[in-house]
N, C-alpha and C. Protein backbone atom coordinates (compact mmCIF):
# COMPACT_ATOMS: atom_id res chain seq x y z
N MET A 1 58.59 50.01 107.79
CA MET A 1 58.26 51.16 106.96
C MET A 1 56.79 51.52 107.13
N GLY A 2 56.52 52.80 107.29
CA GLY A 2 55.14 53.24 107.36
C GLY A 2 54.53 53.17 108.74
N GLU A 3 55.34 52.88 109.78
CA GLU A 3 54.80 52.84 111.13
C GLU A 3 55.20 54.11 111.87
N ALA A 4 54.34 54.52 112.79
CA ALA A 4 54.63 55.71 113.59
C ALA A 4 55.94 55.50 114.34
N GLY A 5 56.78 56.50 114.32
CA GLY A 5 58.05 56.40 115.02
C GLY A 5 59.18 55.89 114.16
N ALA A 6 58.89 55.45 112.94
CA ALA A 6 59.94 54.92 112.06
C ALA A 6 60.62 56.09 111.35
N ILE A 7 61.40 56.84 112.11
CA ILE A 7 62.01 58.06 111.60
C ILE A 7 63.47 57.81 111.25
N VAL A 8 63.85 58.17 110.04
CA VAL A 8 65.24 58.00 109.61
C VAL A 8 66.15 58.98 110.33
N GLY A 9 65.73 60.24 110.45
CA GLY A 9 66.56 61.24 111.10
C GLY A 9 65.72 62.39 111.59
N GLY A 10 66.15 63.02 112.68
CA GLY A 10 65.44 64.17 113.20
C GLY A 10 65.76 65.41 112.39
N HIS A 11 65.08 66.50 112.72
CA HIS A 11 65.29 67.72 111.97
C HIS A 11 66.67 68.30 112.23
N ILE A 12 67.21 68.08 113.41
CA ILE A 12 68.54 68.57 113.74
C ILE A 12 69.37 67.41 114.27
N ASP A 13 70.49 67.13 113.63
CA ASP A 13 71.37 66.03 114.04
C ASP A 13 72.34 66.57 115.09
N ARG A 14 72.23 66.06 116.32
CA ARG A 14 73.07 66.53 117.41
C ARG A 14 74.18 65.53 117.75
N ASN A 15 74.40 64.54 116.89
CA ASN A 15 75.44 63.56 117.13
C ASN A 15 76.79 64.13 116.71
N ASP A 16 77.69 64.31 117.67
CA ASP A 16 78.97 64.97 117.40
C ASP A 16 79.83 64.17 116.42
N LEU A 17 79.79 62.83 116.53
CA LEU A 17 80.63 62.02 115.65
C LEU A 17 80.14 62.13 114.20
N ARG A 18 78.83 62.03 113.99
CA ARG A 18 78.31 62.18 112.63
C ARG A 18 78.62 63.57 112.07
N GLN A 19 78.51 64.57 112.93
CA GLN A 19 78.83 65.93 112.49
C GLN A 19 80.29 66.03 112.09
N GLY A 20 81.16 65.38 112.87
CA GLY A 20 82.59 65.42 112.57
C GLY A 20 82.98 64.67 111.32
N LEU A 21 82.21 63.63 110.99
CA LEU A 21 82.51 62.82 109.81
C LEU A 21 81.89 63.39 108.53
N TYR A 22 81.01 64.37 108.68
CA TYR A 22 80.28 64.89 107.53
C TYR A 22 81.20 65.64 106.57
N ILE A 23 81.00 65.41 105.28
CA ILE A 23 81.76 66.10 104.23
C ILE A 23 80.79 66.97 103.44
N SER A 24 81.03 68.26 103.42
CA SER A 24 80.18 69.16 102.62
C SER A 24 80.55 69.05 101.15
N THR A 25 79.54 69.08 100.30
CA THR A 25 79.74 69.01 98.85
C THR A 25 78.93 70.13 98.18
N LYS A 26 78.98 70.16 96.86
CA LYS A 26 78.22 71.19 96.14
C LYS A 26 76.72 70.99 96.31
N GLU A 27 76.30 69.79 96.68
CA GLU A 27 74.88 69.56 96.97
C GLU A 27 74.46 70.33 98.22
N ASP A 28 75.37 70.41 99.21
CA ASP A 28 75.08 71.20 100.40
C ASP A 28 74.90 72.67 100.03
N ASP A 29 75.75 73.15 99.14
CA ASP A 29 75.64 74.55 98.70
C ASP A 29 74.29 74.81 98.05
N LEU A 30 73.82 73.85 97.24
CA LEU A 30 72.53 74.03 96.56
C LEU A 30 71.38 74.07 97.56
N VAL A 31 71.40 73.16 98.53
CA VAL A 31 70.31 73.10 99.51
C VAL A 31 70.35 74.32 100.43
N ASN A 32 71.55 74.72 100.86
CA ASN A 32 71.67 75.90 101.71
C ASN A 32 71.23 77.15 100.96
N SER A 33 71.54 77.21 99.69
CA SER A 33 71.11 78.35 98.88
C SER A 33 69.59 78.44 98.87
N PHE A 34 68.93 77.29 98.74
CA PHE A 34 67.47 77.26 98.66
C PHE A 34 66.83 77.69 99.98
N PHE A 35 67.36 77.21 101.11
CA PHE A 35 66.73 77.44 102.39
C PHE A 35 67.34 78.58 103.21
N VAL A 36 68.50 79.08 102.80
CA VAL A 36 69.16 80.12 103.60
C VAL A 36 69.51 81.34 102.74
N ASP A 37 70.46 81.19 101.84
CA ASP A 37 71.01 82.34 101.11
C ASP A 37 69.98 83.04 100.24
N GLU A 38 69.13 82.27 99.56
CA GLU A 38 68.14 82.86 98.66
C GLU A 38 66.71 82.65 99.15
N TYR A 39 66.58 82.41 100.45
CA TYR A 39 65.26 82.08 101.00
C TYR A 39 64.29 83.25 100.86
N ALA A 40 63.07 82.92 100.46
CA ALA A 40 61.99 83.89 100.37
C ALA A 40 60.68 83.16 100.64
N GLU A 41 59.69 83.86 101.11
CA GLU A 41 58.39 83.24 101.37
C GLU A 41 57.58 83.22 100.09
N ASP A 42 58.05 82.37 99.16
CA ASP A 42 57.42 82.25 97.84
C ASP A 42 56.78 80.88 97.63
N GLY A 43 56.73 80.05 98.69
CA GLY A 43 56.04 78.77 98.63
C GLY A 43 56.72 77.70 97.81
N LYS A 44 57.99 77.89 97.43
CA LYS A 44 58.67 76.92 96.57
C LYS A 44 59.00 75.63 97.33
N LEU A 45 59.21 74.57 96.56
CA LEU A 45 59.47 73.23 97.13
C LEU A 45 60.79 72.68 96.61
N LEU A 46 61.57 72.08 97.52
CA LEU A 46 62.78 71.34 97.15
C LEU A 46 62.54 69.86 97.43
N ILE A 47 62.70 69.03 96.40
CA ILE A 47 62.59 67.58 96.55
C ILE A 47 63.99 66.99 96.42
N ILE A 48 64.43 66.26 97.45
CA ILE A 48 65.71 65.56 97.37
C ILE A 48 65.41 64.07 97.25
N THR A 49 65.80 63.49 96.14
CA THR A 49 65.52 62.08 95.91
C THR A 49 66.82 61.33 95.62
N GLY A 50 66.70 60.04 95.39
CA GLY A 50 67.88 59.21 95.18
C GLY A 50 67.64 57.83 95.78
N SER A 51 68.73 57.15 96.08
CA SER A 51 68.65 55.81 96.66
C SER A 51 68.80 55.87 98.18
N ALA A 52 68.52 54.76 98.84
CA ALA A 52 68.68 54.69 100.29
C ALA A 52 70.14 54.92 100.66
N GLY A 53 70.37 55.75 101.67
CA GLY A 53 71.72 56.00 102.14
C GLY A 53 72.49 57.05 101.38
N ASP A 54 71.84 57.74 100.45
CA ASP A 54 72.51 58.78 99.67
C ASP A 54 72.79 60.05 100.46
N GLY A 55 72.13 60.22 101.61
CA GLY A 55 72.35 61.41 102.41
C GLY A 55 71.28 62.47 102.26
N LYS A 56 70.09 62.05 101.84
CA LYS A 56 69.00 63.01 101.62
C LYS A 56 68.60 63.71 102.91
N SER A 57 68.36 62.93 103.96
CA SER A 57 67.93 63.51 105.23
C SER A 57 69.03 64.36 105.85
N ALA A 58 70.28 63.94 105.69
CA ALA A 58 71.40 64.72 106.25
C ALA A 58 71.47 66.10 105.61
N LEU A 59 71.27 66.16 104.31
CA LEU A 59 71.28 67.46 103.62
C LEU A 59 70.18 68.38 104.15
N LEU A 60 68.98 67.85 104.27
CA LEU A 60 67.86 68.65 104.76
C LEU A 60 68.07 69.07 106.21
N SER A 61 68.57 68.15 107.03
CA SER A 61 68.77 68.44 108.44
C SER A 61 69.76 69.57 108.64
N ARG A 62 70.87 69.54 107.92
CA ARG A 62 71.90 70.57 108.08
C ARG A 62 71.41 71.92 107.56
N ALA A 63 70.66 71.91 106.46
CA ALA A 63 70.13 73.16 105.93
C ALA A 63 69.09 73.75 106.88
N PHE A 64 68.27 72.90 107.48
CA PHE A 64 67.26 73.35 108.43
C PHE A 64 67.93 73.99 109.65
N LEU A 65 68.99 73.35 110.14
CA LEU A 65 69.72 73.89 111.29
C LEU A 65 70.33 75.25 110.95
N GLU A 66 70.92 75.37 109.76
CA GLU A 66 71.52 76.63 109.34
C GLU A 66 70.45 77.72 109.23
N ALA A 67 69.29 77.37 108.71
CA ALA A 67 68.20 78.35 108.60
C ALA A 67 67.76 78.82 109.99
N GLN A 68 67.69 77.88 110.94
CA GLN A 68 67.32 78.26 112.30
C GLN A 68 68.35 79.20 112.91
N GLN A 69 69.62 78.89 112.67
CA GLN A 69 70.70 79.72 113.21
C GLN A 69 70.73 81.11 112.57
N GLN A 70 70.26 81.19 111.33
CA GLN A 70 70.22 82.47 110.63
C GLN A 70 68.93 83.26 110.93
N GLY A 71 68.09 82.70 111.79
CA GLY A 71 66.90 83.41 112.20
C GLY A 71 65.74 83.38 111.23
N ILE A 72 65.70 82.37 110.37
CA ILE A 72 64.59 82.24 109.42
C ILE A 72 63.46 81.51 110.14
N ASP A 73 62.67 82.26 110.89
CA ASP A 73 61.66 81.67 111.77
C ASP A 73 60.48 81.07 111.01
N SER A 74 60.21 81.55 109.79
CA SER A 74 59.06 81.03 109.05
C SER A 74 59.27 79.60 108.57
N LEU A 75 60.54 79.16 108.53
CA LEU A 75 60.83 77.78 108.14
C LEU A 75 60.78 76.91 109.39
N THR A 76 59.68 76.20 109.57
CA THR A 76 59.49 75.37 110.76
C THR A 76 59.55 73.89 110.38
N GLU A 77 59.47 73.04 111.39
CA GLU A 77 59.54 71.59 111.14
C GLU A 77 58.39 71.11 110.27
N ASP A 78 57.28 71.83 110.28
CA ASP A 78 56.12 71.42 109.46
C ASP A 78 56.43 71.52 107.97
N GLN A 79 57.39 72.35 107.59
CA GLN A 79 57.73 72.54 106.18
C GLN A 79 58.82 71.57 105.70
N ILE A 80 59.43 70.82 106.62
CA ILE A 80 60.52 69.92 106.26
C ILE A 80 60.10 68.49 106.56
N HIS A 81 59.92 67.69 105.52
CA HIS A 81 59.52 66.28 105.69
C HIS A 81 60.78 65.42 105.52
N MET A 82 61.37 65.07 106.65
CA MET A 82 62.69 64.42 106.64
C MET A 82 62.63 62.96 106.20
N ASP A 83 61.53 62.30 106.51
CA ASP A 83 61.45 60.85 106.28
C ASP A 83 60.12 60.50 105.62
N ALA A 84 60.16 60.25 104.33
CA ALA A 84 58.93 59.97 103.59
C ALA A 84 58.27 58.65 104.00
N THR A 85 58.98 57.79 104.75
CA THR A 85 58.39 56.52 105.19
C THR A 85 57.64 56.68 106.50
N ALA A 86 57.74 57.85 107.12
CA ALA A 86 57.15 58.03 108.45
C ALA A 86 55.65 58.24 108.38
N SER A 87 54.97 57.86 109.46
CA SER A 87 53.54 58.14 109.59
C SER A 87 53.31 58.79 110.95
N THR A 88 52.28 59.60 111.05
CA THR A 88 52.03 60.33 112.29
C THR A 88 51.20 59.54 113.29
N GLU A 89 50.46 58.54 112.81
CA GLU A 89 49.64 57.71 113.68
C GLU A 89 50.04 56.24 113.51
N LYS A 90 49.90 55.47 114.59
CA LYS A 90 50.34 54.08 114.57
C LYS A 90 49.59 53.26 113.53
N THR A 91 48.33 53.59 113.31
CA THR A 91 47.53 52.81 112.36
C THR A 91 47.52 53.44 110.97
N GLU A 92 48.29 54.48 110.77
CA GLU A 92 48.28 55.20 109.49
C GLU A 92 49.47 54.79 108.64
N THR A 93 49.27 54.63 107.35
CA THR A 93 50.36 54.29 106.45
C THR A 93 51.10 55.55 106.01
N TYR A 94 52.33 55.36 105.53
CA TYR A 94 53.18 56.49 105.19
C TYR A 94 52.55 57.42 104.16
N ASP A 95 51.78 56.85 103.21
CA ASP A 95 51.23 57.66 102.13
C ASP A 95 50.22 58.68 102.61
N LYS A 96 49.52 58.40 103.71
CA LYS A 96 48.55 59.35 104.23
C LYS A 96 49.27 60.57 104.81
N THR A 97 50.36 60.33 105.52
CA THR A 97 51.15 61.43 106.07
C THR A 97 51.77 62.25 104.96
N LEU A 98 52.29 61.57 103.94
CA LEU A 98 52.91 62.27 102.82
C LEU A 98 51.86 63.06 102.03
N ASP A 99 50.67 62.49 101.91
CA ASP A 99 49.58 63.18 101.22
C ASP A 99 49.22 64.48 101.95
N GLN A 100 49.16 64.42 103.27
CA GLN A 100 48.85 65.62 104.06
C GLN A 100 49.92 66.69 103.86
N PHE A 101 51.17 66.27 103.83
CA PHE A 101 52.27 67.21 103.63
C PHE A 101 52.19 67.86 102.25
N PHE A 102 51.96 67.05 101.22
CA PHE A 102 51.91 67.58 99.86
C PHE A 102 50.67 68.46 99.64
N THR A 103 49.59 68.20 100.35
CA THR A 103 48.41 69.06 100.25
C THR A 103 48.76 70.46 100.75
N GLN A 104 49.48 70.52 101.86
CA GLN A 104 49.93 71.80 102.40
C GLN A 104 50.89 72.49 101.43
N VAL A 105 51.81 71.71 100.88
CA VAL A 105 52.79 72.26 99.94
C VAL A 105 52.10 72.80 98.69
N ARG A 106 51.14 72.05 98.18
CA ARG A 106 50.45 72.45 96.95
C ARG A 106 49.77 73.81 97.11
N GLY A 107 49.20 74.05 98.29
CA GLY A 107 48.57 75.33 98.54
C GLY A 107 49.56 76.48 98.42
N ASN A 108 50.77 76.29 98.96
CA ASN A 108 51.81 77.32 98.86
C ASN A 108 52.30 77.48 97.43
N LEU A 109 52.44 76.34 96.72
CA LEU A 109 52.90 76.39 95.33
C LEU A 109 51.90 77.15 94.45
N ASP A 110 50.62 76.87 94.66
CA ASP A 110 49.59 77.50 93.83
C ASP A 110 49.49 79.00 94.08
N SER A 111 49.67 79.39 95.34
CA SER A 111 49.55 80.81 95.67
C SER A 111 50.85 81.58 95.47
N GLY A 112 51.98 80.85 95.44
CA GLY A 112 53.28 81.50 95.32
C GLY A 112 53.65 82.28 96.56
N THR A 113 53.06 81.89 97.70
CA THR A 113 53.34 82.55 98.96
C THR A 113 53.55 81.51 100.05
N GLY A 114 53.99 81.98 101.20
CA GLY A 114 54.19 81.09 102.33
C GLY A 114 55.62 80.57 102.38
N PRO A 115 55.95 79.87 103.43
CA PRO A 115 57.32 79.37 103.61
C PRO A 115 57.69 78.33 102.55
N ARG A 116 58.96 78.22 102.27
CA ARG A 116 59.43 77.15 101.39
C ARG A 116 59.36 75.81 102.11
N SER A 117 59.35 74.73 101.34
CA SER A 117 59.23 73.39 101.91
C SER A 117 60.31 72.49 101.32
N GLY A 118 60.59 71.39 102.02
CA GLY A 118 61.55 70.42 101.53
C GLY A 118 61.14 69.01 101.93
N VAL A 119 61.41 68.05 101.05
CA VAL A 119 61.10 66.65 101.35
C VAL A 119 62.23 65.77 100.85
N ALA A 120 62.58 64.77 101.65
CA ALA A 120 63.55 63.75 101.26
C ALA A 120 62.77 62.47 100.99
N ILE A 121 62.88 61.96 99.76
CA ILE A 121 62.10 60.77 99.41
C ILE A 121 62.90 59.86 98.48
N ASN A 122 63.02 58.63 98.89
CA ASN A 122 63.67 57.61 98.07
C ASN A 122 62.95 57.51 96.73
N LEU A 123 63.70 57.39 95.64
CA LEU A 123 63.09 57.35 94.31
C LEU A 123 62.13 56.17 94.17
N GLY A 124 62.49 55.03 94.72
CA GLY A 124 61.59 53.87 94.66
C GLY A 124 60.29 54.12 95.42
N LEU A 125 60.40 54.79 96.56
CA LEU A 125 59.21 55.12 97.33
C LEU A 125 58.35 56.14 96.59
N ALA A 126 59.01 57.08 95.90
CA ALA A 126 58.27 58.08 95.11
C ALA A 126 57.46 57.40 94.01
N ILE A 127 58.08 56.40 93.36
CA ILE A 127 57.37 55.65 92.32
C ILE A 127 56.17 54.92 92.92
N ASP A 128 56.37 54.33 94.10
CA ASP A 128 55.28 53.63 94.77
C ASP A 128 54.15 54.60 95.12
N PHE A 129 54.51 55.76 95.66
CA PHE A 129 53.52 56.73 96.11
C PHE A 129 52.75 57.34 94.94
N PHE A 130 53.47 57.79 93.94
CA PHE A 130 52.81 58.51 92.85
C PHE A 130 52.17 57.57 91.82
N GLU A 131 52.88 56.51 91.44
CA GLU A 131 52.36 55.65 90.38
C GLU A 131 51.47 54.52 90.92
N ARG A 132 51.98 53.75 91.85
CA ARG A 132 51.22 52.58 92.31
C ARG A 132 49.99 52.99 93.13
N LYS A 133 50.16 54.03 93.96
CA LYS A 133 49.04 54.47 94.80
C LYS A 133 48.21 55.56 94.12
N GLY A 134 48.64 56.03 92.95
CA GLY A 134 47.82 56.92 92.15
C GLY A 134 47.87 58.40 92.51
N TYR A 135 48.84 58.81 93.30
CA TYR A 135 48.90 60.22 93.68
C TYR A 135 49.48 61.11 92.58
N ASN A 136 49.92 60.50 91.49
CA ASN A 136 50.39 61.31 90.35
C ASN A 136 49.26 62.13 89.75
N GLU A 137 48.04 61.65 89.89
CA GLU A 137 46.89 62.40 89.37
C GLU A 137 46.52 63.57 90.29
N LYS A 138 46.80 63.42 91.57
CA LYS A 138 46.49 64.47 92.53
C LYS A 138 47.57 65.55 92.56
N TYR A 139 48.83 65.11 92.34
CA TYR A 139 49.96 66.05 92.36
C TYR A 139 50.78 65.92 91.08
N PRO A 140 50.21 66.24 89.94
CA PRO A 140 50.92 66.03 88.67
C PRO A 140 52.20 66.84 88.52
N LYS A 141 52.23 68.06 89.07
CA LYS A 141 53.43 68.89 88.95
C LYS A 141 54.60 68.29 89.72
N LEU A 142 54.32 67.73 90.88
CA LEU A 142 55.37 67.14 91.70
C LEU A 142 55.94 65.90 91.02
N TRP A 143 55.05 65.03 90.54
CA TRP A 143 55.51 63.80 89.90
C TRP A 143 56.24 64.10 88.59
N ASP A 144 55.74 65.06 87.85
CA ASP A 144 56.39 65.44 86.59
C ASP A 144 57.82 65.93 86.85
N ALA A 145 58.01 66.71 87.92
CA ALA A 145 59.34 67.21 88.26
C ALA A 145 60.28 66.07 88.63
N ILE A 146 59.79 65.10 89.41
CA ILE A 146 60.61 63.95 89.79
C ILE A 146 60.95 63.11 88.57
N GLU A 147 59.98 62.91 87.69
CA GLU A 147 60.20 62.16 86.46
C GLU A 147 61.31 62.80 85.62
N HIS A 148 61.28 64.12 85.49
CA HIS A 148 62.30 64.81 84.70
C HIS A 148 63.68 64.72 85.34
N ALA A 149 63.72 64.54 86.67
CA ALA A 149 65.00 64.50 87.38
C ALA A 149 65.63 63.11 87.37
N LYS A 150 64.90 62.10 86.95
CA LYS A 150 65.44 60.73 87.00
C LYS A 150 66.78 60.59 86.27
N PRO A 151 66.93 61.14 85.06
CA PRO A 151 68.20 60.92 84.33
C PRO A 151 69.27 61.98 84.60
N GLN A 152 69.03 62.88 85.55
CA GLN A 152 69.99 63.97 85.75
C GLN A 152 70.09 64.36 87.23
N ARG A 153 71.12 65.09 87.54
CA ARG A 153 71.38 65.49 88.93
C ARG A 153 70.38 66.51 89.44
N LYS A 154 69.93 67.43 88.59
CA LYS A 154 69.07 68.51 89.05
C LYS A 154 68.05 68.86 87.97
N TYR A 155 66.85 69.14 88.42
CA TYR A 155 65.80 69.61 87.53
C TYR A 155 65.04 70.72 88.25
N GLU A 156 64.63 71.75 87.50
CA GLU A 156 64.02 72.89 88.15
C GLU A 156 62.91 73.50 87.29
N THR A 157 61.80 73.85 87.95
CA THR A 157 60.74 74.63 87.33
C THR A 157 60.68 75.97 88.07
N ASP A 158 59.67 76.75 87.77
CA ASP A 158 59.54 78.04 88.45
C ASP A 158 59.33 77.90 89.95
N SER A 159 58.71 76.78 90.36
CA SER A 159 58.35 76.65 91.77
C SER A 159 58.88 75.38 92.45
N ILE A 160 59.41 74.43 91.67
CA ILE A 160 59.88 73.16 92.23
C ILE A 160 61.31 72.90 91.77
N LYS A 161 62.15 72.52 92.73
CA LYS A 161 63.52 72.13 92.40
C LYS A 161 63.73 70.70 92.90
N VAL A 162 64.28 69.85 92.04
CA VAL A 162 64.54 68.46 92.41
C VAL A 162 66.04 68.20 92.33
N LEU A 163 66.59 67.63 93.40
CA LEU A 163 67.99 67.23 93.45
C LEU A 163 68.04 65.71 93.55
N ASN A 164 68.61 65.05 92.54
CA ASN A 164 68.69 63.59 92.50
C ASN A 164 70.10 63.16 92.90
N LEU A 165 70.23 62.67 94.13
CA LEU A 165 71.55 62.30 94.65
C LEU A 165 72.11 61.04 93.99
N SER A 166 71.29 60.33 93.22
CA SER A 166 71.82 59.18 92.49
C SER A 166 72.89 59.60 91.49
N HIS A 167 72.88 60.87 91.11
CA HIS A 167 73.85 61.38 90.14
C HIS A 167 74.95 62.20 90.80
N ARG A 168 75.04 62.13 92.12
CA ARG A 168 76.13 62.82 92.83
C ARG A 168 77.46 62.18 92.47
N THR A 169 78.46 63.00 92.18
CA THR A 169 79.79 62.50 91.85
C THR A 169 80.49 62.09 93.15
N LEU A 170 80.81 60.80 93.26
CA LEU A 170 81.42 60.28 94.48
C LEU A 170 82.94 60.26 94.43
N PHE A 171 83.51 60.07 93.26
CA PHE A 171 84.96 60.02 93.17
C PHE A 171 85.41 60.21 91.73
N GLU A 172 86.65 60.59 91.58
CA GLU A 172 87.30 60.65 90.27
C GLU A 172 88.60 59.86 90.37
N THR A 173 88.84 59.02 89.39
CA THR A 173 90.04 58.19 89.43
C THR A 173 91.27 58.99 89.01
N HIS A 174 92.44 58.50 89.44
CA HIS A 174 93.71 59.15 89.10
C HIS A 174 94.76 58.06 88.97
N PRO A 175 95.59 58.11 87.95
CA PRO A 175 96.54 57.02 87.72
C PRO A 175 97.64 56.91 88.78
N ASP A 176 97.94 57.98 89.50
CA ASP A 176 99.06 57.96 90.44
C ASP A 176 98.67 57.91 91.90
N ARG A 177 97.37 57.97 92.21
CA ARG A 177 96.97 57.95 93.62
C ARG A 177 95.54 57.41 93.73
N PHE A 178 95.11 57.33 94.97
CA PHE A 178 93.82 56.72 95.27
C PHE A 178 92.68 57.70 95.00
N GLY A 179 92.64 58.23 93.81
CA GLY A 179 91.51 59.05 93.37
C GLY A 179 91.29 60.31 94.18
N ASP A 180 90.23 61.01 93.88
CA ASP A 180 89.84 62.24 94.56
C ASP A 180 88.32 62.27 94.67
N GLY A 181 87.82 63.10 95.57
CA GLY A 181 86.39 63.28 95.68
C GLY A 181 85.82 62.89 97.02
N LEU A 182 84.48 62.75 97.06
CA LEU A 182 83.77 62.54 98.31
C LEU A 182 84.21 61.28 99.04
N LEU A 183 84.30 60.14 98.34
CA LEU A 183 84.68 58.89 99.02
C LEU A 183 86.08 58.97 99.62
N ARG A 184 87.00 59.58 98.89
CA ARG A 184 88.36 59.74 99.41
C ARG A 184 88.36 60.64 100.66
N ASP A 185 87.58 61.71 100.61
CA ASP A 185 87.50 62.62 101.75
C ASP A 185 86.92 61.92 102.98
N ILE A 186 85.94 61.03 102.75
CA ILE A 186 85.35 60.28 103.85
C ILE A 186 86.38 59.33 104.46
N VAL A 187 87.12 58.62 103.60
CA VAL A 187 88.15 57.71 104.08
C VAL A 187 89.20 58.46 104.92
N ASP A 188 89.58 59.65 104.44
CA ASP A 188 90.59 60.44 105.15
C ASP A 188 90.11 60.88 106.53
N LYS A 189 88.81 61.00 106.73
CA LYS A 189 88.28 61.37 108.04
C LYS A 189 88.60 60.34 109.11
N PHE A 190 88.88 59.09 108.66
CA PHE A 190 89.18 58.02 109.60
C PHE A 190 90.67 57.92 109.91
N ASN A 191 91.47 58.84 109.40
CA ASN A 191 92.89 58.90 109.71
C ASN A 191 93.06 59.59 111.05
N ALA A 192 93.12 58.79 112.10
CA ALA A 192 93.11 59.34 113.46
C ALA A 192 94.36 60.18 113.78
N SER A 193 95.42 60.04 112.99
CA SER A 193 96.62 60.85 113.24
C SER A 193 96.45 62.28 112.73
N ASP A 194 95.40 62.53 111.96
CA ASP A 194 95.12 63.86 111.44
C ASP A 194 94.33 64.65 112.48
N PRO A 195 94.84 65.81 112.90
CA PRO A 195 94.12 66.61 113.91
C PRO A 195 92.70 66.99 113.51
N GLU A 196 92.39 66.96 112.20
CA GLU A 196 91.04 67.29 111.74
C GLU A 196 90.07 66.11 111.86
N SER A 197 90.61 64.93 112.15
CA SER A 197 89.75 63.75 112.27
C SER A 197 88.99 63.77 113.60
N PRO A 198 87.72 63.38 113.60
CA PRO A 198 86.97 63.32 114.86
C PRO A 198 87.49 62.23 115.80
N PHE A 199 88.36 61.35 115.29
CA PHE A 199 88.94 60.29 116.12
C PHE A 199 90.30 60.68 116.71
N HIS A 200 90.79 61.87 116.36
CA HIS A 200 92.15 62.26 116.74
C HIS A 200 92.34 62.31 118.26
N GLU A 201 91.40 62.88 118.97
CA GLU A 201 91.54 63.02 120.42
C GLU A 201 91.59 61.65 121.10
N ALA A 202 90.72 60.75 120.67
CA ALA A 202 90.72 59.40 121.25
C ALA A 202 92.01 58.66 120.91
N TYR A 203 92.51 58.89 119.70
CA TYR A 203 93.76 58.26 119.26
C TYR A 203 94.92 58.72 120.14
N GLN A 204 95.01 60.02 120.40
CA GLN A 204 96.07 60.55 121.25
C GLN A 204 95.96 59.99 122.67
N HIS A 205 94.74 59.85 123.16
CA HIS A 205 94.52 59.32 124.52
C HIS A 205 94.99 57.87 124.58
N GLU A 206 94.66 57.07 123.56
CA GLU A 206 95.03 55.66 123.57
C GLU A 206 96.55 55.49 123.45
N LYS A 207 97.23 56.40 122.75
CA LYS A 207 98.68 56.30 122.63
C LYS A 207 99.35 56.49 124.00
């Protein structure tokens, strides 16, 4: 963590299998709305937080790709911080890179102009960055928004929106079947006999 090159995910995921296994949820709709459907050069920030493996980077990556395909040229890689643990220099710690990103974001937030921005940050890492390293005093609006989002799925101010994936609904139980929801949909993707499964073609070949 905190070393140059320690990237969780690129801005655009070109892995066909991961793309085929991906399940869109209402969280995708929210992120796409922010970066595509309702996009404006108003300097707003979207923070996606949660636990490791919640899909924060995947959400940002897919929304960034959609924005590129829709011709939103002002949204560049500089505005999307996919991996909060990454550093730009080998001898630099992650917090310096994140500080540089937030300094740029703060300028847009204060002016209410410029491209929108997005960051994926593990909640534990956010606590380390803002509280332990003291950046809550430098970026009080950002930390306050994350703090308000801790007990809920979404929190929003005039300029900052926080999506907490820790509160994403993964499944709903049902007395007569194996539940419904995201986890069930993911399991169904591995049913190679289903033509919609990314494993279907290989399954037919092996038969």
